[in-house]
């Protein structure tokens, strides 16, 4: 399992906002909700839209391309066949850190 990687300070991402961070060769969407910080691959499994550019309302992000929605805490979508690749997040001494999940094999969804 990989280590936690420092990505930004808490002050850089206000509650209700999202941003993209790059860790190694991966683009990660980092979300700050009232429930805390959450991270997922910055790639909608529908057609690859950048989730960090989507609207974040509560714990739900809406893909800016086709308006599919996902729970940022669980990665779940209304269709149980679709979900985001989520990553663990920790906050220590005002710094937000992300631990990457193993990168999954990708197949075209055709949806």
PDB file of N, CA and C in Angstrom:
ATOM      1  N   UNK A   1       0.842  -1.178   0.000  1.00  0.00           N
ATOM      2  CA  UNK A   1       0.000   0.000   0.000  1.00  0.00           C
ATOM      3  C   UNK A   1       0.891   1.246   0.000  1.00  0.00           C
ATOM      4  N   UNK A   2       0.430   2.274  -0.710  1.00  0.00           N
ATOM      5  CA  UNK A   2       1.236   3.484  -0.822  1.00  0.00           C
ATOM      6  C   UNK A   2       1.113   4.345   0.423  1.00  0.00           C
ATOM      7  N   UNK A   3       2.020   5.303   0.546  1.00  0.00           N
ATOM      8  CA  UNK A   3       2.044   6.204   1.695  1.00  0.00           C
ATOM      9  C   UNK A   3       1.113   7.389   1.451  1.00  0.00           C
ATOM     10  N   UNK A   4       0.792   8.121   2.517  1.00  0.00           N
ATOM     11  CA  UNK A   4       0.018   9.347   2.385  1.00  0.00           C
ATOM     12  C   UNK A   4       0.931  10.427   1.816  1.00  0.00           C
ATOM     13  N   UNK A   5       0.435  11.150   0.827  1.00  0.00           N
ATOM     14  CA  UNK A   5       1.218  12.177   0.140  1.00  0.00           C
ATOM     15  C   UNK A   5       0.576  13.539   0.409  1.00  0.00           C
ATOM     16  N   UNK A   6       1.384  14.485   0.865  1.00  0.00           N
ATOM     17  CA  UNK A   6       0.935  15.844   1.151  1.00  0.00           C
ATOM     18  C   UNK A   6       0.548  16.516  -0.165  1.00  0.00           C
ATOM     19  N   UNK A   7      -0.703  17.063  -0.224  1.00  0.00           N
ATOM     20  CA  UNK A   7      -1.149  17.687  -1.465  1.00  0.00           C
ATOM     21  C   UNK A   7      -1.436  19.179  -1.335  1.00  0.00           C
ATOM     22  N   UNK A   8      -1.933  19.631  -0.168  1.00  0.00           N
ATOM     23  CA  UNK A   8      -2.193  21.056   0.020  1.00  0.00           C
ATOM     24  C   UNK A   8      -2.546  21.347   1.470  1.00  0.00           C
ATOM     25  N   UNK A   9      -2.657  22.627   1.781  1.00  0.00           N
ATOM     26  CA  UNK A   9      -3.071  23.016   3.136  1.00  0.00           C
ATOM     27  C   UNK A   9      -4.590  23.098   3.184  1.00  0.00           C
ATOM     28  N   UNK A  10      -5.152  22.932   4.385  1.00  0.00           N
ATOM     29  CA  UNK A  10      -6.603  23.036   4.541  1.00  0.00           C
ATOM     30  C   UNK A  10      -7.121  24.383   4.040  1.00  0.00           C
ATOM     31  N   UNK A  11      -6.351  25.431   4.241  1.00  0.00           N
ATOM     32  CA  UNK A  11      -6.773  26.779   3.853  1.00  0.00           C
ATOM     33  C   UNK A  11      -6.913  26.942   2.334  1.00  0.00           C
ATOM     34  N   UNK A  12      -6.276  26.081   1.569  1.00  0.00           N
ATOM     35  CA  UNK A  12      -6.321  26.203   0.110  1.00  0.00           C
ATOM     36  C   UNK A  12      -7.618  25.690  -0.512  1.00  0.00           C
ATOM     37  N   UNK A  13      -8.414  24.929   0.251  1.00  0.00           N
ATOM     38  CA  UNK A  13      -9.638  24.368  -0.309  1.00  0.00           C
ATOM     39  C   UNK A  13     -10.795  24.574   0.664  1.00  0.00           C
ATOM     40  N   UNK A  14     -11.581  25.641   0.460  1.00  0.00           N
ATOM     41  CA  UNK A  14     -12.696  25.914   1.362  1.00  0.00           C
ATOM     42  C   UNK A  14     -13.787  24.841   1.262  1.00  0.00           C
ATOM     43  N   UNK A  15     -14.595  24.735   2.296  1.00  0.00           N
ATOM     44  CA  UNK A  15     -15.717  23.788   2.298  1.00  0.00           C
ATOM     45  C   UNK A  15     -16.658  24.102   1.141  1.00  0.00           C
ATOM     46  N   UNK A  16     -17.165  23.042   0.506  1.00  0.00           N
ATOM     47  CA  UNK A  16     -18.071  23.194  -0.625  1.00  0.00           C
ATOM     48  C   UNK A  16     -17.368  23.314  -1.957  1.00  0.00           C
ATOM     49  N   UNK A  17     -16.052  23.152  -1.952  1.00  0.00           N
ATOM     50  CA  UNK A  17     -15.259  23.294  -3.178  1.00  0.00           C
ATOM     51  C   UNK A  17     -14.504  22.011  -3.493  1.00  0.00           C
ATOM     52  N   UNK A  18     -14.036  21.939  -4.741  1.00  0.00           N
ATOM     53  CA  UNK A  18     -13.222  20.818  -5.217  1.00  0.00           C
ATOM     54  C   UNK A  18     -12.045  21.386  -5.992  1.00  0.00           C
ATOM     55  N   UNK A  19     -11.005  20.589  -6.111  1.00  0.00           N
ATOM     56  CA  UNK A  19      -9.866  20.979  -6.937  1.00  0.00           C
ATOM     57  C   UNK A  19      -9.182  19.725  -7.447  1.00  0.00           C
ATOM     58  N   UNK A  20      -8.349  19.909  -8.445  1.00  0.00           N
ATOM     59  CA  UNK A  20      -7.566  18.799  -8.969  1.00  0.00           C
ATOM     60  C   UNK A  20      -6.151  18.888  -8.406  1.00  0.00           C
ATOM     61  N   UNK A  21      -5.630  17.742  -7.962  1.00  0.00           N
ATOM     62  CA  UNK A  21      -4.231  17.652  -7.562  1.00  0.00           C
ATOM     63  C   UNK A  21      -3.607  16.518  -8.367  1.00  0.00           C
ATOM     64  N   UNK A  22      -2.333  16.650  -8.642  1.00  0.00           N
ATOM     65  CA  UNK A  22      -1.622  15.591  -9.371  1.00  0.00           C
ATOM     66  C   UNK A  22      -0.729  14.849  -8.400  1.00  0.00           C
ATOM     67  N   UNK A  23      -0.871  13.557  -8.388  1.00  0.00           N
ATOM     68  CA  UNK A  23      -0.029  12.701  -7.561  1.00  0.00           C
ATOM     69  C   UNK A  23       0.582  11.665  -8.493  1.00  0.00           C
ATOM     70  N   UNK A  24       1.888  11.717  -8.574  1.00  0.00           N
ATOM     71  CA  UNK A  24       2.605  10.889  -9.534  1.00  0.00           C
ATOM     72  C   UNK A  24       2.034  11.180 -10.918  1.00  0.00           C
ATOM     73  N   UNK A  25       1.525  10.201 -11.613  1.00  0.00           N
ATOM     74  CA  UNK A  25       0.992  10.448 -12.958  1.00  0.00           C
ATOM     75  C   UNK A  25      -0.533  10.443 -12.984  1.00  0.00           C
ATOM     76  N   UNK A  26      -1.151  10.613 -11.817  1.00  0.00           N
ATOM     77  CA  UNK A  26      -2.611  10.547 -11.736  1.00  0.00           C
ATOM     78  C   UNK A  26      -3.212  11.892 -11.356  1.00  0.00           C
ATOM     79  N   UNK A  27      -4.336  12.210 -11.972  1.00  0.00           N
ATOM     80  CA  UNK A  27      -5.108  13.402 -11.626  1.00  0.00           C
ATOM     81  C   UNK A  27      -6.170  12.975 -10.623  1.00  0.00           C
ATOM     82  N   UNK A  28      -6.175  13.634  -9.477  1.00  0.00           N
ATOM     83  CA  UNK A  28      -7.069  13.296  -8.376  1.00  0.00           C
ATOM     84  C   UNK A  28      -7.971  14.492  -8.100  1.00  0.00           C
ATOM     85  N   UNK A  29      -9.274  14.225  -7.947  1.00  0.00           N
ATOM     86  CA  UNK A  29     -10.214  15.262  -7.526  1.00  0.00           C
ATOM     87  C   UNK A  29     -10.273  15.229  -6.011  1.00  0.00           C
ATOM     88  N   UNK A  30     -10.038  16.371  -5.399  1.00  0.00           N
ATOM     89  CA  UNK A  30     -10.103  16.496  -3.949  1.00  0.00           C
ATOM     90  C   UNK A  30     -11.320  17.346  -3.622  1.00  0.00           C
ATOM     91  N   UNK A  31     -12.190  16.835  -2.746  1.00  0.00           N
ATOM     92  CA  UNK A  31     -13.443  17.488  -2.386  1.00  0.00           C
ATOM     93  C   UNK A  31     -13.423  17.844  -0.905  1.00  0.00           C
ATOM     94  N   UNK A  32     -13.929  19.026  -0.563  1.00  0.00           N
ATOM     95  CA  UNK A  32     -14.055  19.428   0.834  1.00  0.00           C
ATOM     96  C   UNK A  32     -15.540  19.659   1.102  1.00  0.00           C
ATOM     97  N   UNK A  33     -16.142  18.780   1.884  1.00  0.00           N
ATOM     98  CA  UNK A  33     -17.556  18.898   2.236  1.00  0.00           C
ATOM     99  C   UNK A  33     -17.663  19.178   3.736  1.00  0.00           C
ATOM    100  N   UNK A  34     -18.883  19.354   4.203  1.00  0.00           N
ATOM    101  CA  UNK A  34     -19.091  19.541   5.640  1.00  0.00           C
ATOM    102  C   UNK A  34     -18.661  18.307   6.426  1.00  0.00           C
ATOM    103  N   UNK A  35     -18.623  17.161   5.780  1.00  0.00           N
ATOM    104  CA  UNK A  35     -18.229  15.905   6.437  1.00  0.00           C
ATOM    105  C   UNK A  35     -16.727  15.657   6.386  1.00  0.00           C
ATOM    106  N   UNK A  36     -15.983  16.517   5.681  1.00  0.00           N
ATOM    107  CA  UNK A  36     -14.534  16.367   5.623  1.00  0.00           C
ATOM    108  C   UNK A  36     -14.000  16.416   4.200  1.00  0.00           C
ATOM    109  N   UNK A  37     -12.802  15.866   4.045  1.00  0.00           N
ATOM    110  CA  UNK A  37     -12.129  15.845   2.750  1.00  0.00           C
ATOM    111  C   UNK A  37     -12.247  14.446   2.156  1.00  0.00           C
ATOM    112  N   UNK A  38     -12.469  14.392   0.836  1.00  0.00           N
ATOM    113  CA  UNK A  38     -12.586  13.122   0.129  1.00  0.00           C
ATOM    114  C   UNK A  38     -11.840  13.241  -1.187  1.00  0.00           C
ATOM    115  N   UNK A  39     -11.352  12.112  -1.684  1.00  0.00           N
ATOM    116  CA  UNK A  39     -10.589  12.117  -2.925  1.00  0.00           C
ATOM    117  C   UNK A  39     -11.022  10.965  -3.814  1.00  0.00           C
ATOM    118  N   UNK A  40     -10.984  11.220  -5.120  1.00  0.00           N
ATOM    119  CA  UNK A  40     -11.311  10.202  -6.118  1.00  0.00           C
ATOM    120  C   UNK A  40     -10.513  10.511  -7.378  1.00  0.00           C
ATOM    121  N   UNK A  41     -10.365   9.512  -8.244  1.00  0.00           N
ATOM    122  CA  UNK A  41      -9.767   9.802  -9.542  1.00  0.00           C
ATOM    123  C   UNK A  41     -10.610  10.899 -10.189  1.00  0.00           C
ATOM    124  N   UNK A  42      -9.951  11.845 -10.828  1.00  0.00           N
ATOM    125  CA  UNK A  42     -10.645  12.983 -11.430  1.00  0.00           C
ATOM    126  C   UNK A  42     -11.140  12.610 -12.823  1.00  0.00           C
ATOM    127  N   UNK A  43     -11.935  11.555 -12.862  1.00  0.00           N
ATOM    128  CA  UNK A  43     -12.349  10.983 -14.137  1.00  0.00           C
ATOM    129  C   UNK A  43     -13.718  10.337 -13.963  1.00  0.00           C
ATOM    130  N   UNK A  44     -14.729  10.929 -14.557  1.00  0.00           N
ATOM    131  CA  UNK A  44     -16.058  10.330 -14.505  1.00  0.00           C
ATOM    132  C   UNK A  44     -16.026   9.015 -15.288  1.00  0.00           C
ATOM    133  N   UNK A  45     -16.521   7.930 -14.706  1.00  0.00           N
ATOM    134  CA  UNK A  45     -16.476   6.643 -15.406  1.00  0.00           C
ATOM    135  C   UNK A  45     -17.417   6.577 -16.600  1.00  0.00           C
ATOM    136  N   UNK A  46     -18.275   7.563 -16.765  1.00  0.00           N
ATOM    137  CA  UNK A  46     -19.198   7.581 -17.901  1.00  0.00           C
ATOM    138  C   UNK A  46     -18.456   7.915 -19.188  1.00  0.00           C
ATOM    139  N   UNK A  47     -17.887   9.107 -19.251  1.00  0.00           N
ATOM    140  CA  UNK A  47     -17.184   9.546 -20.458  1.00  0.00           C
ATOM    141  C   UNK A  47     -15.888  10.300 -20.158  1.00  0.00           C
ATOM    142  N   UNK A  48     -15.397  10.222 -18.921  1.00  0.00           N
ATOM    143  CA  UNK A  48     -14.100  10.799 -18.604  1.00  0.00           C
ATOM    144  C   UNK A  48     -14.099  12.267 -18.234  1.00  0.00           C
ATOM    145  N   UNK A  49     -15.249  12.826 -17.919  1.00  0.00           N
ATOM    146  CA  UNK A  49     -15.310  14.237 -17.542  1.00  0.00           C
ATOM    147  C   UNK A  49     -14.523  14.525 -16.276  1.00  0.00           C
ATOM    148  N   UNK A  50     -13.994  15.749 -16.142  1.00  0.00           N
ATOM    149  CA  UNK A  50     -13.211  16.138 -14.968  1.00  0.00           C
ATOM    150  C   UNK A  50     -14.111  16.457 -13.773  1.00  0.00           C
ATOM    151  N   UNK A  51     -14.204  15.554 -12.827  1.00  0.00           N
ATOM    152  CA  UNK A  51     -15.099  15.729 -11.683  1.00  0.00           C
ATOM    153  C   UNK A  51     -14.733  16.931 -10.828  1.00  0.00           C
ATOM    154  N   UNK A  52     -13.461  17.313 -10.804  1.00  0.00           N
ATOM    155  CA  UNK A  52     -13.062  18.477 -10.006  1.00  0.00           C
ATOM    156  C   UNK A  52     -13.667  19.768 -10.543  1.00  0.00           C
ATOM    157  N   UNK A  53     -14.147  19.767 -11.783  1.00  0.00           N
ATOM    158  CA  UNK A  53     -14.816  20.931 -12.368  1.00  0.00           C
ATOM    159  C   UNK A  53     -16.326  20.885 -12.169  1.00  0.00           C
ATOM    160  N   UNK A  54     -16.835  19.796 -11.578  1.00  0.00           N
ATOM    161  CA  UNK A  54     -18.268  19.637 -11.392  1.00  0.00           C
ATOM    162  C   UNK A  54     -18.791  20.407 -10.197  1.00  0.00           C
ATOM    163  N   UNK A  55     -20.108  20.488 -10.114  1.00  0.00           N
ATOM    164  CA  UNK A  55     -20.755  21.135  -8.969  1.00  0.00           C
ATOM    165  C   UNK A  55     -20.749  20.183  -7.786  1.00  0.00           C
ATOM    166  N   UNK A  56     -20.367  20.689  -6.620  1.00  0.00           N
ATOM    167  CA  UNK A  56     -20.352  19.917  -5.382  1.00  0.00           C
ATOM    168  C   UNK A  56     -21.440  20.472  -4.476  1.00  0.00           C
ATOM    169  N   UNK A  57     -22.438  19.637  -4.188  1.00  0.00           N
ATOM    170  CA  UNK A  57     -23.538  20.024  -3.305  1.00  0.00           C
ATOM    171  C   UNK A  57     -23.642  18.951  -2.236  1.00  0.00           C
ATOM    172  N   UNK A  58     -23.373  19.334  -0.997  1.00  0.00           N
ATOM    173  CA  UNK A  58     -23.321  18.338   0.070  1.00  0.00           C
ATOM    174  C   UNK A  58     -22.204  17.354  -0.217  1.00  0.00           C
ATOM    175  N   UNK A  59     -22.540  16.074  -0.258  1.00  0.00           N
ATOM    176  CA  UNK A  59     -21.546  15.039  -0.561  1.00  0.00           C
ATOM    177  C   UNK A  59     -21.665  14.533  -1.993  1.00  0.00           C
ATOM    178  N   UNK A  60     -22.359  15.285  -2.841  1.00  0.00           N
ATOM    179  CA  UNK A  60     -22.604  14.821  -4.199  1.00  0.00           C
ATOM    180  C   UNK A  60     -21.934  15.736  -5.214  1.00  0.00           C
ATOM    181  N   UNK A  61     -21.173  15.125  -6.128  1.00  0.00           N
ATOM    182  CA  UNK A  61     -20.568  15.884  -7.218  1.00  0.00           C
ATOM    183  C   UNK A  61     -21.289  15.511  -8.512  1.00  0.00           C
ATOM    184  N   UNK A  62     -21.498  16.522  -9.352  1.00  0.00           N
ATOM    185  CA  UNK A  62     -22.135  16.328 -10.645  1.00  0.00           C
ATOM    186  C   UNK A  62     -21.093  16.532 -11.731  1.00  0.00           C
ATOM    187  N   UNK A  63     -20.938  15.541 -12.589  1.00  0.00           N
ATOM    188  CA  UNK A  63     -19.988  15.651 -13.698  1.00  0.00           C
ATOM    189  C   UNK A  63     -20.406  16.810 -14.598  1.00  0.00           C
ATOM    190  N   UNK A  64     -19.461  17.681 -14.981  1.00  0.00           N
ATOM    191  CA  UNK A  64     -19.816  18.838 -15.795  1.00  0.00           C
ATOM    192  C   UNK A  64     -20.151  18.492 -17.250  1.00  0.00           C
ATOM    193  N   UNK A  65     -19.836  17.292 -17.695  1.00  0.00           N
ATOM    194  CA  UNK A  65     -20.081  16.949 -19.103  1.00  0.00           C
ATOM    195  C   UNK A  65     -21.489  16.428 -19.350  1.00  0.00           C
ATOM    196  N   UNK A  66     -21.944  15.471 -18.552  1.00  0.00           N
ATOM    197  CA  UNK A  66     -23.247  14.844 -18.821  1.00  0.00           C
ATOM    198  C   UNK A  66     -24.133  14.775 -17.577  1.00  0.00           C
ATOM    199  N   UNK A  67     -23.713  15.443 -16.516  1.00  0.00           N
ATOM    200  CA  UNK A  67     -24.523  15.619 -15.305  1.00  0.00           C
ATOM    201  C   UNK A  67     -24.789  14.336 -14.526  1.00  0.00           C
ATOM    202  N   UNK A  68     -23.922  13.353 -14.652  1.00  0.00           N
ATOM    203  CA  UNK A  68     -24.024  12.166 -13.806  1.00  0.00           C
ATOM    204  C   UNK A  68     -23.546  12.560 -12.418  1.00  0.00           C
ATOM    205  N   UNK A  69     -24.159  12.006 -11.368  1.00  0.00           N
ATOM    206  CA  UNK A  69     -23.813  12.380 -10.004  1.00  0.00           C
ATOM    207  C   UNK A  69     -23.227  11.199  -9.232  1.00  0.00           C
ATOM    208  N   UNK A  70     -22.328  11.531  -8.308  1.00  0.00           N
ATOM    209  CA  UNK A  70     -21.638  10.540  -7.490  1.00  0.00           C
ATOM    210  C   UNK A  70     -21.510  11.053  -6.063  1.00  0.00           C
ATOM    211  N   UNK A  71     -21.584  10.136  -5.113  1.00  0.00           N
ATOM    212  CA  UNK A  71     -21.321  10.454  -3.715  1.00  0.00           C
ATOM    213  C   UNK A  71     -19.800  10.473  -3.544  1.00  0.00           C
ATOM    214  N   UNK A  72     -19.234  11.594  -3.121  1.00  0.00           N
ATOM    215  CA  UNK A  72     -17.777  11.708  -3.040  1.00  0.00           C
ATOM    216  C   UNK A  72     -17.188  10.898  -1.891  1.00  0.00           C
ATOM    217  N   UNK A  73     -17.996  10.583  -0.895  1.00  0.00           N
ATOM    218  CA  UNK A  73     -17.498   9.796   0.235  1.00  0.00           C
ATOM    219  C   UNK A  73     -17.400   8.316  -0.119  1.00  0.00           C
ATOM    220  N   UNK A  74     -18.407   7.798  -0.798  1.00  0.00           N
ATOM    221  CA  UNK A  74     -18.438   6.360  -1.121  1.00  0.00           C
ATOM    222  C   UNK A  74     -18.038   6.054  -2.552  1.00  0.00           C
ATOM    223  N   UNK A  75     -18.132   7.054  -3.431  1.00  0.00           N
ATOM    224  CA  UNK A  75     -17.871   6.851  -4.848  1.00  0.00           C
ATOM    225  C   UNK A  75     -19.065   6.304  -5.599  1.00  0.00           C
ATOM    226  N   UNK A  76     -20.174   6.095  -4.926  1.00  0.00           N
ATOM    227  CA  UNK A  76     -21.334   5.442  -5.546  1.00  0.00           C
ATOM    228  C   UNK A  76     -22.133   6.357  -6.468  1.00  0.00           C
ATOM    229  N   UNK A  77     -22.700   5.716  -7.468  1.00  0.00           N
ATOM    230  CA  UNK A  77     -23.619   6.326  -8.420  1.00  0.00           C
ATOM    231  C   UNK A  77     -24.941   5.582  -8.275  1.00  0.00           C
ATOM    232  N   UNK A  78     -26.036   6.164  -8.762  1.00  0.00           N
ATOM    233  CA  UNK A  78     -27.345   5.494  -8.675  1.00  0.00           C
ATOM    234  C   UNK A  78     -27.326   4.125  -9.358  1.00  0.00           C
ATOM    235  N   UNK A  79     -26.541   3.973 -10.416  1.00  0.00           N
ATOM    236  CA  UNK A  79     -26.377   2.680 -11.095  1.00  0.00           C
ATOM    237  C   UNK A  79     -25.254   1.942 -10.379  1.00  0.00           C
ATOM    238  N   UNK A  80     -25.538   0.837  -9.697  1.00  0.00           N
ATOM    239  CA  UNK A  80     -24.510   0.156  -8.901  1.00  0.00           C
ATOM    240  C   UNK A  80     -23.345  -0.409  -9.712  1.00  0.00           C
ATOM    241  N   UNK A  81     -23.468  -0.426 -11.040  1.00  0.00           N
ATOM    242  CA  UNK A  81     -22.352  -0.892 -11.876  1.00  0.00           C
ATOM    243  C   UNK A  81     -21.272   0.171 -12.027  1.00  0.00           C
ATOM    244  N   UNK A  82     -21.592   1.404 -11.651  1.00  0.00           N
ATOM    245  CA  UNK A  82     -20.656   2.516 -11.806  1.00  0.00           C
ATOM    246  C   UNK A  82     -20.243   3.055 -10.452  1.00  0.00           C
ATOM    247  N   UNK A  83     -18.981   3.347 -10.309  1.00  0.00           N
ATOM    248  CA  UNK A  83     -18.502   4.004  -9.093  1.00  0.00           C
ATOM    249  C   UNK A  83     -17.163   4.659  -9.380  1.00  0.00           C
ATOM    250  N   UNK A  84     -16.822   5.585  -8.523  1.00  0.00           N
ATOM    251  CA  UNK A  84     -15.528   6.257  -8.627  1.00  0.00           C
ATOM    252  C   UNK A  84     -14.464   5.452  -7.916  1.00  0.00           C
ATOM    253  N   UNK A  85     -13.226   5.601  -8.366  1.00  0.00           N
ATOM    254  CA  UNK A  85     -12.088   5.063  -7.634  1.00  0.00           C
ATOM    255  C   UNK A  85     -11.778   6.092  -6.557  1.00  0.00           C
ATOM    256  N   UNK A  86     -11.978   5.714  -5.294  1.00  0.00           N
ATOM    257  CA  UNK A  86     -11.764   6.646  -4.188  1.00  0.00           C
ATOM    258  C   UNK A  86     -10.436   6.375  -3.497  1.00  0.00           C
ATOM    259  N   UNK A  87      -9.953   7.380  -2.794  1.00  0.00           N
ATOM    260  CA  UNK A  87      -8.666   7.322  -2.112  1.00  0.00           C
ATOM    261  C   UNK A  87      -8.837   7.781  -0.671  1.00  0.00           C
ATOM    262  N   UNK A  88      -7.999   7.266   0.211  1.00  0.00           N
ATOM    263  CA  UNK A  88      -8.044   7.691   1.615  1.00  0.00           C
ATOM    264  C   UNK A  88      -7.432   9.078   1.753  1.00  0.00           C
ATOM    265  N   UNK A  89      -8.014   9.854   2.684  1.00  0.00           N
ATOM    266  CA  UNK A  89      -7.524  11.210   2.948  1.00  0.00           C
ATOM    267  C   UNK A  89      -7.306  11.353   4.445  1.00  0.00           C
ATOM    268  N   UNK A  90      -6.224  12.015   4.819  1.00  0.00           N
ATOM    269  CA  UNK A  90      -5.990  12.351   6.222  1.00  0.00           C
ATOM    270  C   UNK A  90      -5.634  13.833   6.304  1.00  0.00           C
ATOM    271  N   UNK A  91      -5.932  14.421   7.439  1.00  0.00           N
ATOM    272  CA  UNK A  91      -5.584  15.820   7.682  1.00  0.00           C
ATOM    273  C   UNK A  91      -4.780  15.855   8.970  1.00  0.00           C
ATOM    274  N   UNK A  92      -3.556  16.358   8.880  1.00  0.00           N
ATOM    275  CA  UNK A  92      -2.664  16.447  10.028  1.00  0.00           C
ATOM    276  C   UNK A  92      -1.963  17.796  10.021  1.00  0.00           C
ATOM    277  N   UNK A  93      -2.019  18.483  11.144  1.00  0.00           N
ATOM    278  CA  UNK A  93      -1.339  19.777  11.285  1.00  0.00           C
ATOM    279  C   UNK A  93      -1.686  20.741  10.156  1.00  0.00           C
ATOM    280  N   UNK A  94      -2.962  20.756   9.752  1.00  0.00           N
ATOM    281  CA  UNK A  94      -3.397  21.682   8.721  1.00  0.00           C
ATOM    282  C   UNK A  94      -3.050  21.285   7.305  1.00  0.00           C
ATOM    283  N   UNK A  95      -2.493  20.094   7.133  1.00  0.00           N
ATOM    284  CA  UNK A  95      -2.108  19.623   5.798  1.00  0.00           C
ATOM    285  C   UNK A  95      -3.009  18.463   5.384  1.00  0.00           C
ATOM    286  N   UNK A  96      -3.437  18.484   4.118  1.00  0.00           N
ATOM    287  CA  UNK A  96      -4.282  17.426   3.567  1.00  0.00           C
ATOM    288  C   UNK A  96      -3.378  16.451   2.818  1.00  0.00           C
ATOM    289  N   UNK A  97      -3.549  15.169   3.145  1.00  0.00           N
ATOM    290  CA  UNK A  97      -2.718  14.118   2.545  1.00  0.00           C
ATOM    291  C   UNK A  97      -3.624  13.051   1.936  1.00  0.00           C
ATOM    292  N   UNK A  98      -3.184  12.486   0.814  1.00  0.00           N
ATOM    293  CA  UNK A  98      -3.955  11.476   0.095  1.00  0.00           C
ATOM    294  C   UNK A  98      -3.120  10.215  -0.054  1.00  0.00           C
ATOM    295  N   UNK A  99      -3.775   9.077   0.187  1.00  0.00           N
ATOM    296  CA  UNK A  99      -3.154   7.773  -0.042  1.00  0.00           C
ATOM    297  C   UNK A  99      -3.845   7.158  -1.253  1.00  0.00           C
ATOM    298  N   UNK A 100      -3.103   6.961  -2.327  1.00  0.00           N
ATOM    299  CA  UNK A 100      -3.678   6.440  -3.560  1.00  0.00           C
ATOM    300  C   UNK A 100      -4.102   4.988  -3.420  1.00  0.00           C
ATOM    301  N   UNK A 101      -5.284   4.698  -3.942  1.00  0.00           N
ATOM    302  CA  UNK A 101      -5.726   3.316  -4.071  1.00  0.00           C
ATOM    303  C   UNK A 101      -5.009   2.729  -5.271  1.00  0.00           C
ATOM    304  N   UNK A 102      -4.985   1.430  -5.338  1.00  0.00           N
ATOM    305  CA  UNK A 102      -4.387   0.775  -6.495  1.00  0.00           C
ATOM    306  C   UNK A 102      -5.157   1.183  -7.734  1.00  0.00           C
ATOM    307  N   UNK A 103      -4.435   1.478  -8.817  1.00  0.00           N
ATOM    308  CA  UNK A 103      -5.101   1.901 -10.046  1.00  0.00           C
ATOM    309  C   UNK A 103      -5.794   0.707 -10.683  1.00  0.00           C
ATOM    310  N   UNK A 104      -7.117   0.839 -10.941  1.00  0.00           N
ATOM    311  CA  UNK A 104      -7.856  -0.275 -11.515  1.00  0.00           C
ATOM    312  C   UNK A 104      -7.601  -0.424 -13.000  1.00  0.00           C
ATOM    313  N   UNK A 105      -7.906  -1.593 -13.521  1.00  0.00           N
ATOM    314  CA  UNK A 105      -7.869  -1.802 -14.950  1.00  0.00           C
ATOM    315  C   UNK A 105      -9.040  -1.033 -15.550  1.00  0.00           C
ATOM    316  N   UNK A 106      -8.850  -0.371 -16.655  1.00  0.00           N
ATOM    317  CA  UNK A 106      -9.921   0.430 -17.256  1.00  0.00           C
ATOM    318  C   UNK A 106     -10.440  -0.248 -18.511  1.00  0.00           C
ATOM    319  N   UNK A 107     -11.748  -0.272 -18.624  1.00  0.00           N
ATOM    320  CA  UNK A 107     -12.420  -0.778 -19.817  1.00  0.00           C
ATOM    321  C   UNK A 107     -13.431   0.268 -20.248  1.00  0.00           C
ATOM    322  N   UNK A 108     -13.708   0.352 -21.528  1.00  0.00           N
ATOM    323  CA  UNK A 108     -14.734   1.280 -22.000  1.00  0.00           C
ATOM    324  C   UNK A 108     -16.090   0.833 -21.495  1.00  0.00           C
ATOM    325  N   UNK A 109     -16.872   1.783 -20.997  1.00  0.00           N
ATOM    326  CA  UNK A 109     -18.176   1.443 -20.439  1.00  0.00           C
ATOM    327  C   UNK A 109     -19.240   1.337 -21.504  1.00  0.00           C
ATOM    328  N   UNK A 110     -19.072   2.081 -22.600  1.00  0.00           N
ATOM    329  CA  UNK A 110     -20.066   2.079 -23.652  1.00  0.00           C
ATOM    330  C   UNK A 110     -21.379   2.727 -23.254  1.00  0.00           C
ATOM    331  N   UNK A 111     -21.434   3.375 -22.106  1.00  0.00           N
ATOM    332  CA  UNK A 111     -22.682   3.982 -21.645  1.00  0.00           C
ATOM    333  C   UNK A 111     -22.789   5.405 -22.118  1.00  0.00           C
TER     334      UNK A 111
END
